[in-house]
Amino acid sequence: MEIQNLINENLIIMNLESNVKEDAFREIIEILAKNNKITSKDVFFETILSREEEGPTGLGRGIAIPHGKSEVVNELTLAFGRSKNGIEYNSLDQKPVNLFFMVADYKGFSPDYLKMVSKLVSKMRVDENRQALLDAKSKTEVLEIIYKLF
């Protein structure tokens, strides 16, 4: 899994405008659609919501990794969104989320999908990694941090 093939500057939102989790999902899904990573925003939104019903993807410590597999996904993709103020999420620690990593994968089994989610969980448990992403001044800086983590 080459992380450079899964995320680029066009898949990063430095300042999410949303105050609500579902609206943040829509903002991130919008960039997936604009970059031809998905063929239907509505279908993928429902995929993400369905996954949320199975269990929260808000891990605590200001991190959420909403993810889903769908026939509307063209290729395994990672998108990133940041909220300076934080968004209520019903996270495990009941604190707002600042850093969103949305993972989109095509329907069927993809070992790279599971590897990416697992690696994100592991890397985002480290305070310095989270803080670096919160402090990043540009999309390029966010990419450099993510690339280094993988």
N, C-alpha and C. Protein backbone atom coordinates (compact mmCIF):
# COMPACT_ATOMS: atom_id res chain seq x y z
N MET A 1 0.84 -1.18 0.00
CA MET A 1 0.00 0.00 0.00
C MET A 1 0.88 1.24 0.00
N GLU A 2 0.84 1.99 -1.07
CA GLU A 2 1.58 3.24 -1.19
C GLU A 2 0.64 4.39 -0.84
N ILE A 3 0.86 5.02 0.29
CA ILE A 3 -0.04 6.09 0.74
C ILE A 3 -0.09 7.23 -0.28
N GLN A 4 1.00 7.47 -0.99
CA GLN A 4 1.02 8.53 -2.00
C GLN A 4 0.00 8.32 -3.11
N ASN A 5 -0.41 7.07 -3.32
CA ASN A 5 -1.42 6.76 -4.33
C ASN A 5 -2.85 6.93 -3.81
N LEU A 6 -3.00 7.13 -2.50
CA LEU A 6 -4.32 7.13 -1.89
C LEU A 6 -4.81 8.51 -1.48
N ILE A 7 -3.91 9.47 -1.28
CA ILE A 7 -4.29 10.81 -0.87
C ILE A 7 -3.39 11.83 -1.55
N ASN A 8 -3.98 12.98 -1.89
CA ASN A 8 -3.21 14.08 -2.45
C ASN A 8 -3.84 15.39 -1.96
N GLU A 9 -3.27 16.52 -2.35
CA GLU A 9 -3.75 17.81 -1.86
C GLU A 9 -5.22 18.07 -2.18
N ASN A 10 -5.70 17.51 -3.28
CA ASN A 10 -7.11 17.71 -3.66
C ASN A 10 -8.08 16.98 -2.74
N LEU A 11 -7.56 16.09 -1.90
CA LEU A 11 -8.40 15.30 -1.00
C LEU A 11 -8.25 15.76 0.45
N ILE A 12 -7.85 17.01 0.62
CA ILE A 12 -7.65 17.58 1.96
C ILE A 12 -8.49 18.84 2.11
N ILE A 13 -9.17 18.93 3.24
CA ILE A 13 -9.90 20.16 3.60
C ILE A 13 -9.25 20.67 4.88
N MET A 14 -8.63 21.83 4.79
CA MET A 14 -7.91 22.39 5.93
C MET A 14 -8.84 22.92 7.02
N ASN A 15 -10.00 23.43 6.63
CA ASN A 15 -10.93 24.02 7.59
C ASN A 15 -12.36 23.61 7.25
N LEU A 16 -12.81 22.53 7.84
CA LEU A 16 -14.19 22.12 7.64
C LEU A 16 -15.12 23.23 8.14
N GLU A 17 -16.14 23.52 7.37
CA GLU A 17 -17.09 24.58 7.73
C GLU A 17 -18.21 24.06 8.63
N SER A 18 -18.41 22.78 8.64
CA SER A 18 -19.54 22.16 9.33
C SER A 18 -19.39 22.21 10.85
N ASN A 19 -20.56 22.19 11.51
CA ASN A 19 -20.61 22.08 12.96
C ASN A 19 -21.22 20.76 13.39
N VAL A 20 -21.69 19.99 12.41
CA VAL A 20 -22.40 18.74 12.67
C VAL A 20 -21.69 17.61 11.91
N LYS A 21 -21.58 16.48 12.57
CA LYS A 21 -20.87 15.33 12.00
C LYS A 21 -21.33 14.99 10.58
N GLU A 22 -22.64 14.87 10.38
CA GLU A 22 -23.15 14.48 9.07
C GLU A 22 -22.80 15.50 7.98
N ASP A 23 -22.80 16.77 8.34
CA ASP A 23 -22.41 17.81 7.38
C ASP A 23 -20.93 17.73 7.06
N ALA A 24 -20.12 17.39 8.05
CA ALA A 24 -18.68 17.20 7.81
C ALA A 24 -18.49 16.03 6.84
N PHE A 25 -19.26 14.96 7.04
CA PHE A 25 -19.19 13.83 6.10
C PHE A 25 -19.48 14.31 4.69
N ARG A 26 -20.53 15.11 4.55
CA ARG A 26 -20.91 15.60 3.21
C ARG A 26 -19.81 16.46 2.59
N GLU A 27 -19.16 17.28 3.39
CA GLU A 27 -18.06 18.11 2.87
C GLU A 27 -16.94 17.24 2.32
N ILE A 28 -16.58 16.22 3.08
CA ILE A 28 -15.48 15.34 2.65
C ILE A 28 -15.91 14.50 1.45
N ILE A 29 -17.13 14.02 1.47
CA ILE A 29 -17.64 13.24 0.34
C ILE A 29 -17.68 14.09 -0.93
N GLU A 30 -17.94 15.36 -0.79
CA GLU A 30 -17.94 16.27 -1.94
C GLU A 30 -16.58 16.27 -2.64
N ILE A 31 -15.49 16.30 -1.87
CA ILE A 31 -14.17 16.29 -2.53
C ILE A 31 -13.86 14.93 -3.13
N LEU A 32 -14.40 13.86 -2.54
CA LEU A 32 -14.23 12.54 -3.16
C LEU A 32 -14.91 12.53 -4.53
N ALA A 33 -16.09 13.09 -4.62
CA ALA A 33 -16.82 13.13 -5.89
C ALA A 33 -16.12 14.03 -6.90
N LYS A 34 -15.66 15.20 -6.47
CA LYS A 34 -14.98 16.13 -7.38
C LYS A 34 -13.71 15.54 -7.97
N ASN A 35 -13.12 14.61 -7.24
CA ASN A 35 -11.88 13.98 -7.70
C ASN A 35 -12.12 12.60 -8.31
N ASN A 36 -13.37 12.32 -8.67
CA ASN A 36 -13.74 11.08 -9.35
C ASN A 36 -13.36 9.82 -8.58
N LYS A 37 -13.41 9.91 -7.25
CA LYS A 37 -13.13 8.74 -6.43
C LYS A 37 -14.41 7.96 -6.14
N ILE A 38 -15.56 8.66 -6.24
CA ILE A 38 -16.86 8.01 -6.07
C ILE A 38 -17.79 8.48 -7.18
N THR A 39 -18.79 7.65 -7.47
CA THR A 39 -19.74 8.01 -8.54
C THR A 39 -21.07 8.51 -8.02
N SER A 40 -21.32 8.36 -6.71
CA SER A 40 -22.57 8.86 -6.13
C SER A 40 -22.33 9.35 -4.71
N LYS A 41 -22.51 10.64 -4.50
CA LYS A 41 -22.34 11.22 -3.17
C LYS A 41 -23.39 10.66 -2.21
N ASP A 42 -24.63 10.57 -2.67
CA ASP A 42 -25.72 10.12 -1.80
C ASP A 42 -25.53 8.67 -1.35
N VAL A 43 -25.16 7.82 -2.28
CA VAL A 43 -24.97 6.40 -1.93
C VAL A 43 -23.80 6.26 -0.95
N PHE A 44 -22.70 6.97 -1.19
CA PHE A 44 -21.57 6.83 -0.28
C PHE A 44 -21.88 7.44 1.08
N PHE A 45 -22.63 8.53 1.11
CA PHE A 45 -23.06 9.12 2.38
C PHE A 45 -23.85 8.08 3.19
N GLU A 46 -24.78 7.39 2.54
CA GLU A 46 -25.55 6.35 3.23
C GLU A 46 -24.66 5.21 3.70
N THR A 47 -23.63 4.89 2.92
CA THR A 47 -22.66 3.86 3.33
C THR A 47 -21.96 4.27 4.62
N ILE A 48 -21.53 5.51 4.67
CA ILE A 48 -20.83 6.02 5.86
C ILE A 48 -21.78 6.02 7.07
N LEU A 49 -23.01 6.48 6.87
CA LEU A 49 -23.98 6.49 7.97
C LEU A 49 -24.28 5.08 8.47
N SER A 50 -24.40 4.13 7.56
CA SER A 50 -24.65 2.74 7.94
C SER A 50 -23.51 2.20 8.79
N ARG A 51 -22.29 2.53 8.39
CA ARG A 51 -21.12 2.08 9.16
C ARG A 51 -21.13 2.70 10.56
N GLU A 52 -21.53 3.97 10.66
CA GLU A 52 -21.60 4.64 11.96
C GLU A 52 -22.59 3.95 12.89
N GLU A 53 -23.67 3.41 12.33
CA GLU A 53 -24.67 2.72 13.14
C GLU A 53 -24.12 1.43 13.75
N GLU A 54 -23.15 0.83 13.08
CA GLU A 54 -22.53 -0.40 13.58
C GLU A 54 -21.69 -0.14 14.82
N GLY A 55 -21.13 1.05 14.90
CA GLY A 55 -20.27 1.42 16.03
C GLY A 55 -19.58 2.72 15.69
N PRO A 56 -19.29 3.52 16.71
CA PRO A 56 -18.71 4.84 16.45
C PRO A 56 -17.32 4.75 15.84
N THR A 57 -17.06 5.64 14.89
CA THR A 57 -15.72 5.74 14.30
C THR A 57 -14.97 6.92 14.89
N GLY A 58 -15.58 7.57 15.87
CA GLY A 58 -14.88 8.60 16.63
C GLY A 58 -14.08 7.90 17.72
N LEU A 59 -12.76 7.90 17.56
CA LEU A 59 -11.90 7.09 18.42
C LEU A 59 -11.58 7.74 19.75
N GLY A 60 -11.89 9.02 19.87
CA GLY A 60 -11.44 9.78 21.02
C GLY A 60 -10.20 10.56 20.64
N ARG A 61 -9.76 11.43 21.54
CA ARG A 61 -8.58 12.26 21.32
C ARG A 61 -8.71 13.16 20.09
N GLY A 62 -9.96 13.47 19.70
CA GLY A 62 -10.18 14.38 18.59
C GLY A 62 -10.05 13.76 17.21
N ILE A 63 -10.09 12.43 17.15
CA ILE A 63 -9.88 11.71 15.89
C ILE A 63 -11.12 10.91 15.50
N ALA A 64 -11.45 10.94 14.21
CA ALA A 64 -12.51 10.07 13.68
C ALA A 64 -12.03 9.49 12.36
N ILE A 65 -12.37 8.24 12.15
CA ILE A 65 -12.01 7.56 10.90
C ILE A 65 -13.27 6.94 10.30
N PRO A 66 -14.17 7.79 9.78
CA PRO A 66 -15.34 7.24 9.10
C PRO A 66 -14.89 6.50 7.85
N HIS A 67 -15.45 5.33 7.63
CA HIS A 67 -15.01 4.53 6.48
C HIS A 67 -16.13 3.66 5.97
N GLY A 68 -15.99 3.27 4.72
CA GLY A 68 -17.00 2.41 4.14
C GLY A 68 -16.59 1.82 2.81
N LYS A 69 -17.24 0.72 2.48
CA LYS A 69 -17.03 0.04 1.19
C LYS A 69 -18.32 0.14 0.40
N SER A 70 -18.18 0.49 -0.87
CA SER A 70 -19.38 0.65 -1.69
C SER A 70 -19.06 0.43 -3.15
N GLU A 71 -20.08 0.00 -3.88
CA GLU A 71 -19.93 -0.17 -5.33
C GLU A 71 -19.74 1.17 -6.04
N VAL A 72 -20.00 2.30 -5.36
CA VAL A 72 -19.83 3.61 -6.00
C VAL A 72 -18.41 4.15 -5.86
N VAL A 73 -17.55 3.42 -5.16
CA VAL A 73 -16.15 3.84 -4.99
C VAL A 73 -15.33 3.29 -6.14
N ASN A 74 -14.56 4.18 -6.78
CA ASN A 74 -13.74 3.78 -7.92
C ASN A 74 -12.42 3.15 -7.52
N GLU A 75 -11.84 3.62 -6.41
CA GLU A 75 -10.56 3.08 -5.96
C GLU A 75 -10.36 3.43 -4.50
N LEU A 76 -9.57 2.64 -3.80
CA LEU A 76 -9.25 2.90 -2.41
C LEU A 76 -8.69 4.31 -2.29
N THR A 77 -9.30 5.11 -1.39
CA THR A 77 -8.93 6.51 -1.27
C THR A 77 -8.98 6.94 0.19
N LEU A 78 -8.09 7.85 0.55
CA LEU A 78 -8.10 8.48 1.86
C LEU A 78 -8.31 9.98 1.66
N ALA A 79 -9.28 10.54 2.38
CA ALA A 79 -9.51 11.99 2.37
C ALA A 79 -9.37 12.48 3.80
N PHE A 80 -8.94 13.73 3.95
CA PHE A 80 -8.67 14.30 5.27
C PHE A 80 -9.41 15.62 5.42
N GLY A 81 -10.00 15.82 6.58
CA GLY A 81 -10.63 17.09 6.91
C GLY A 81 -10.27 17.49 8.32
N ARG A 82 -10.10 18.80 8.52
CA ARG A 82 -9.73 19.30 9.85
C ARG A 82 -10.71 20.38 10.29
N SER A 83 -11.11 20.30 11.54
CA SER A 83 -11.98 21.30 12.15
C SER A 83 -11.23 21.89 13.34
N LYS A 84 -10.89 23.16 13.25
CA LYS A 84 -10.15 23.81 14.35
C LYS A 84 -10.96 23.81 15.64
N ASN A 85 -12.28 24.05 15.53
CA ASN A 85 -13.12 24.14 16.73
C ASN A 85 -13.60 22.79 17.23
N GLY A 86 -13.57 21.80 16.38
CA GLY A 86 -14.05 20.48 16.76
C GLY A 86 -15.54 20.33 16.48
N ILE A 87 -15.95 19.11 16.21
CA ILE A 87 -17.34 18.79 15.87
C ILE A 87 -17.81 17.67 16.80
N GLU A 88 -18.98 17.88 17.41
CA GLU A 88 -19.55 16.83 18.26
C GLU A 88 -19.73 15.56 17.42
N TYR A 89 -19.35 14.43 17.99
CA TYR A 89 -19.29 13.22 17.18
C TYR A 89 -19.82 11.97 17.88
N ASN A 90 -20.08 12.05 19.18
CA ASN A 90 -20.40 10.85 19.94
C ASN A 90 -19.21 9.89 19.95
N SER A 91 -18.04 10.47 20.14
CA SER A 91 -16.80 9.69 20.19
C SER A 91 -16.73 8.87 21.47
N LEU A 92 -15.80 7.95 21.49
CA LEU A 92 -15.64 7.09 22.65
C LEU A 92 -15.38 7.89 23.92
N ASP A 93 -14.66 9.03 23.80
CA ASP A 93 -14.38 9.85 24.98
C ASP A 93 -15.35 11.02 25.12
N GLN A 94 -16.35 11.07 24.25
CA GLN A 94 -17.39 12.11 24.26
C GLN A 94 -16.85 13.52 24.00
N LYS A 95 -15.65 13.62 23.43
CA LYS A 95 -15.07 14.92 23.09
C LYS A 95 -15.23 15.19 21.60
N PRO A 96 -15.22 16.47 21.21
CA PRO A 96 -15.35 16.82 19.79
C PRO A 96 -14.19 16.27 18.95
N VAL A 97 -14.46 16.13 17.65
CA VAL A 97 -13.45 15.64 16.70
C VAL A 97 -12.89 16.82 15.91
N ASN A 98 -11.57 16.84 15.79
CA ASN A 98 -10.87 17.85 15.01
C ASN A 98 -10.30 17.29 13.71
N LEU A 99 -9.92 16.02 13.72
CA LEU A 99 -9.24 15.41 12.58
C LEU A 99 -10.06 14.24 12.04
N PHE A 100 -10.47 14.37 10.79
CA PHE A 100 -11.27 13.35 10.12
C PHE A 100 -10.44 12.69 9.03
N PHE A 101 -10.38 11.37 9.05
CA PHE A 101 -9.77 10.59 7.99
C PHE A 101 -10.87 9.73 7.41
N MET A 102 -11.31 10.04 6.19
CA MET A 102 -12.37 9.24 5.58
C MET A 102 -11.74 8.26 4.59
N VAL A 103 -12.02 6.99 4.81
CA VAL A 103 -11.48 5.94 3.95
C VAL A 103 -12.63 5.39 3.10
N ALA A 104 -12.44 5.43 1.80
CA ALA A 104 -13.43 4.92 0.85
C ALA A 104 -12.81 3.75 0.10
N ASP A 105 -13.54 2.65 0.03
CA ASP A 105 -13.04 1.49 -0.70
C ASP A 105 -14.17 0.90 -1.53
N TYR A 106 -13.78 0.24 -2.60
CA TYR A 106 -14.75 -0.43 -3.46
C TYR A 106 -15.28 -1.65 -2.73
N LYS A 107 -16.43 -2.10 -3.14
CA LYS A 107 -17.07 -3.25 -2.50
C LYS A 107 -16.24 -4.51 -2.75
N GLY A 108 -16.20 -5.34 -1.76
CA GLY A 108 -15.41 -6.55 -1.86
C GLY A 108 -14.24 -6.47 -0.90
N PHE A 109 -13.41 -7.47 -0.89
CA PHE A 109 -12.32 -7.54 0.07
C PHE A 109 -11.08 -6.82 -0.45
N SER A 110 -10.57 -5.95 0.36
CA SER A 110 -9.33 -5.25 0.04
C SER A 110 -8.46 -5.23 1.29
N PRO A 111 -7.40 -6.00 1.33
CA PRO A 111 -6.56 -6.02 2.53
C PRO A 111 -5.95 -4.64 2.82
N ASP A 112 -5.73 -3.83 1.80
CA ASP A 112 -5.15 -2.51 2.03
C ASP A 112 -6.10 -1.61 2.80
N TYR A 113 -7.39 -1.79 2.63
CA TYR A 113 -8.40 -1.03 3.37
C TYR A 113 -8.23 -1.26 4.86
N LEU A 114 -8.17 -2.52 5.26
CA LEU A 114 -8.01 -2.85 6.67
C LEU A 114 -6.67 -2.38 7.21
N LYS A 115 -5.63 -2.50 6.41
CA LYS A 115 -4.30 -2.04 6.83
C LYS A 115 -4.31 -0.53 7.07
N MET A 116 -4.96 0.21 6.17
CA MET A 116 -4.97 1.66 6.31
C MET A 116 -5.71 2.08 7.57
N VAL A 117 -6.89 1.54 7.79
CA VAL A 117 -7.67 1.90 8.98
C VAL A 117 -6.87 1.55 10.24
N SER A 118 -6.29 0.37 10.27
CA SER A 118 -5.51 -0.06 11.43
C SER A 118 -4.30 0.86 11.67
N LYS A 119 -3.61 1.20 10.60
CA LYS A 119 -2.43 2.06 10.74
C LYS A 119 -2.83 3.46 11.21
N LEU A 120 -3.91 4.00 10.68
CA LEU A 120 -4.39 5.31 11.13
C LEU A 120 -4.71 5.29 12.62
N VAL A 121 -5.41 4.26 13.06
CA VAL A 121 -5.75 4.14 14.48
C VAL A 121 -4.48 4.16 15.32
N SER A 122 -3.51 3.35 14.93
CA SER A 122 -2.26 3.25 15.66
C SER A 122 -1.50 4.58 15.68
N LYS A 123 -1.34 5.20 14.54
CA LYS A 123 -0.56 6.44 14.45
C LYS A 123 -1.23 7.63 15.13
N MET A 124 -2.56 7.64 15.14
CA MET A 124 -3.27 8.78 15.73
C MET A 124 -3.38 8.69 17.25
N ARG A 125 -2.94 7.59 17.80
CA ARG A 125 -2.88 7.48 19.27
C ARG A 125 -1.69 8.27 19.83
N VAL A 126 -0.77 8.64 18.98
CA VAL A 126 0.44 9.36 19.41
C VAL A 126 0.16 10.86 19.41
N ASP A 127 0.31 11.48 20.59
CA ASP A 127 0.00 12.90 20.75
C ASP A 127 0.71 13.78 19.73
N GLU A 128 1.98 13.53 19.49
CA GLU A 128 2.77 14.36 18.58
C GLU A 128 2.23 14.32 17.15
N ASN A 129 1.74 13.17 16.73
CA ASN A 129 1.19 13.04 15.38
C ASN A 129 -0.09 13.87 15.24
N ARG A 130 -0.96 13.77 16.23
CA ARG A 130 -2.19 14.55 16.19
C ARG A 130 -1.88 16.05 16.21
N GLN A 131 -0.98 16.44 17.08
CA GLN A 131 -0.66 17.86 17.21
C GLN A 131 -0.04 18.40 15.92
N ALA A 132 0.80 17.61 15.28
CA ALA A 132 1.42 18.05 14.02
C ALA A 132 0.34 18.34 12.97
N LEU A 133 -0.67 17.49 12.90
CA LEU A 133 -1.75 17.71 11.92
C LEU A 133 -2.61 18.91 12.31
N LEU A 134 -2.82 19.12 13.59
CA LEU A 134 -3.58 20.29 14.04
C LEU A 134 -2.83 21.59 13.74
N ASP A 135 -1.50 21.54 13.83
CA ASP A 135 -0.68 22.74 13.64
C ASP A 135 -0.29 23.00 12.19
N ALA A 136 -0.51 22.03 11.30
CA ALA A 136 -0.09 22.16 9.90
C ALA A 136 -0.69 23.42 9.28
N LYS A 137 0.12 24.14 8.53
CA LYS A 137 -0.31 25.42 7.94
C LYS A 137 -0.80 25.29 6.50
N SER A 138 -0.52 24.15 5.86
CA SER A 138 -0.87 23.99 4.45
C SER A 138 -1.21 22.54 4.14
N LYS A 139 -1.84 22.36 2.99
CA LYS A 139 -2.13 21.00 2.53
C LYS A 139 -0.85 20.22 2.30
N THR A 140 0.16 20.90 1.79
CA THR A 140 1.45 20.24 1.56
C THR A 140 2.03 19.72 2.86
N GLU A 141 1.93 20.51 3.91
CA GLU A 141 2.43 20.10 5.22
C GLU A 141 1.63 18.90 5.76
N VAL A 142 0.32 18.93 5.59
CA VAL A 142 -0.51 17.80 6.01
C VAL A 142 -0.06 16.53 5.28
N LEU A 143 0.13 16.64 3.97
CA LEU A 143 0.57 15.48 3.18
C LEU A 143 1.90 14.95 3.67
N GLU A 144 2.85 15.85 3.91
CA GLU A 144 4.17 15.43 4.38
C GLU A 144 4.06 14.65 5.69
N ILE A 145 3.21 15.13 6.60
CA ILE A 145 3.02 14.44 7.88
C ILE A 145 2.40 13.07 7.66
N ILE A 146 1.35 13.00 6.86
CA ILE A 146 0.69 11.71 6.59
C ILE A 146 1.66 10.75 5.90
N TYR A 147 2.39 11.22 4.91
CA TYR A 147 3.34 10.36 4.21
C TYR A 147 4.39 9.80 5.19
N LYS A 148 4.84 10.64 6.10
CA LYS A 148 5.86 10.20 7.06
C LYS A 148 5.29 9.15 8.02
N LEU A 149 4.02 9.27 8.36
CA LEU A 149 3.40 8.31 9.28
C LEU A 149 3.29 6.92 8.67
N PHE A 150 3.14 6.87 7.35
CA PHE A 150 2.99 5.59 6.69
C PHE A 150 4.31 5.07 6.19
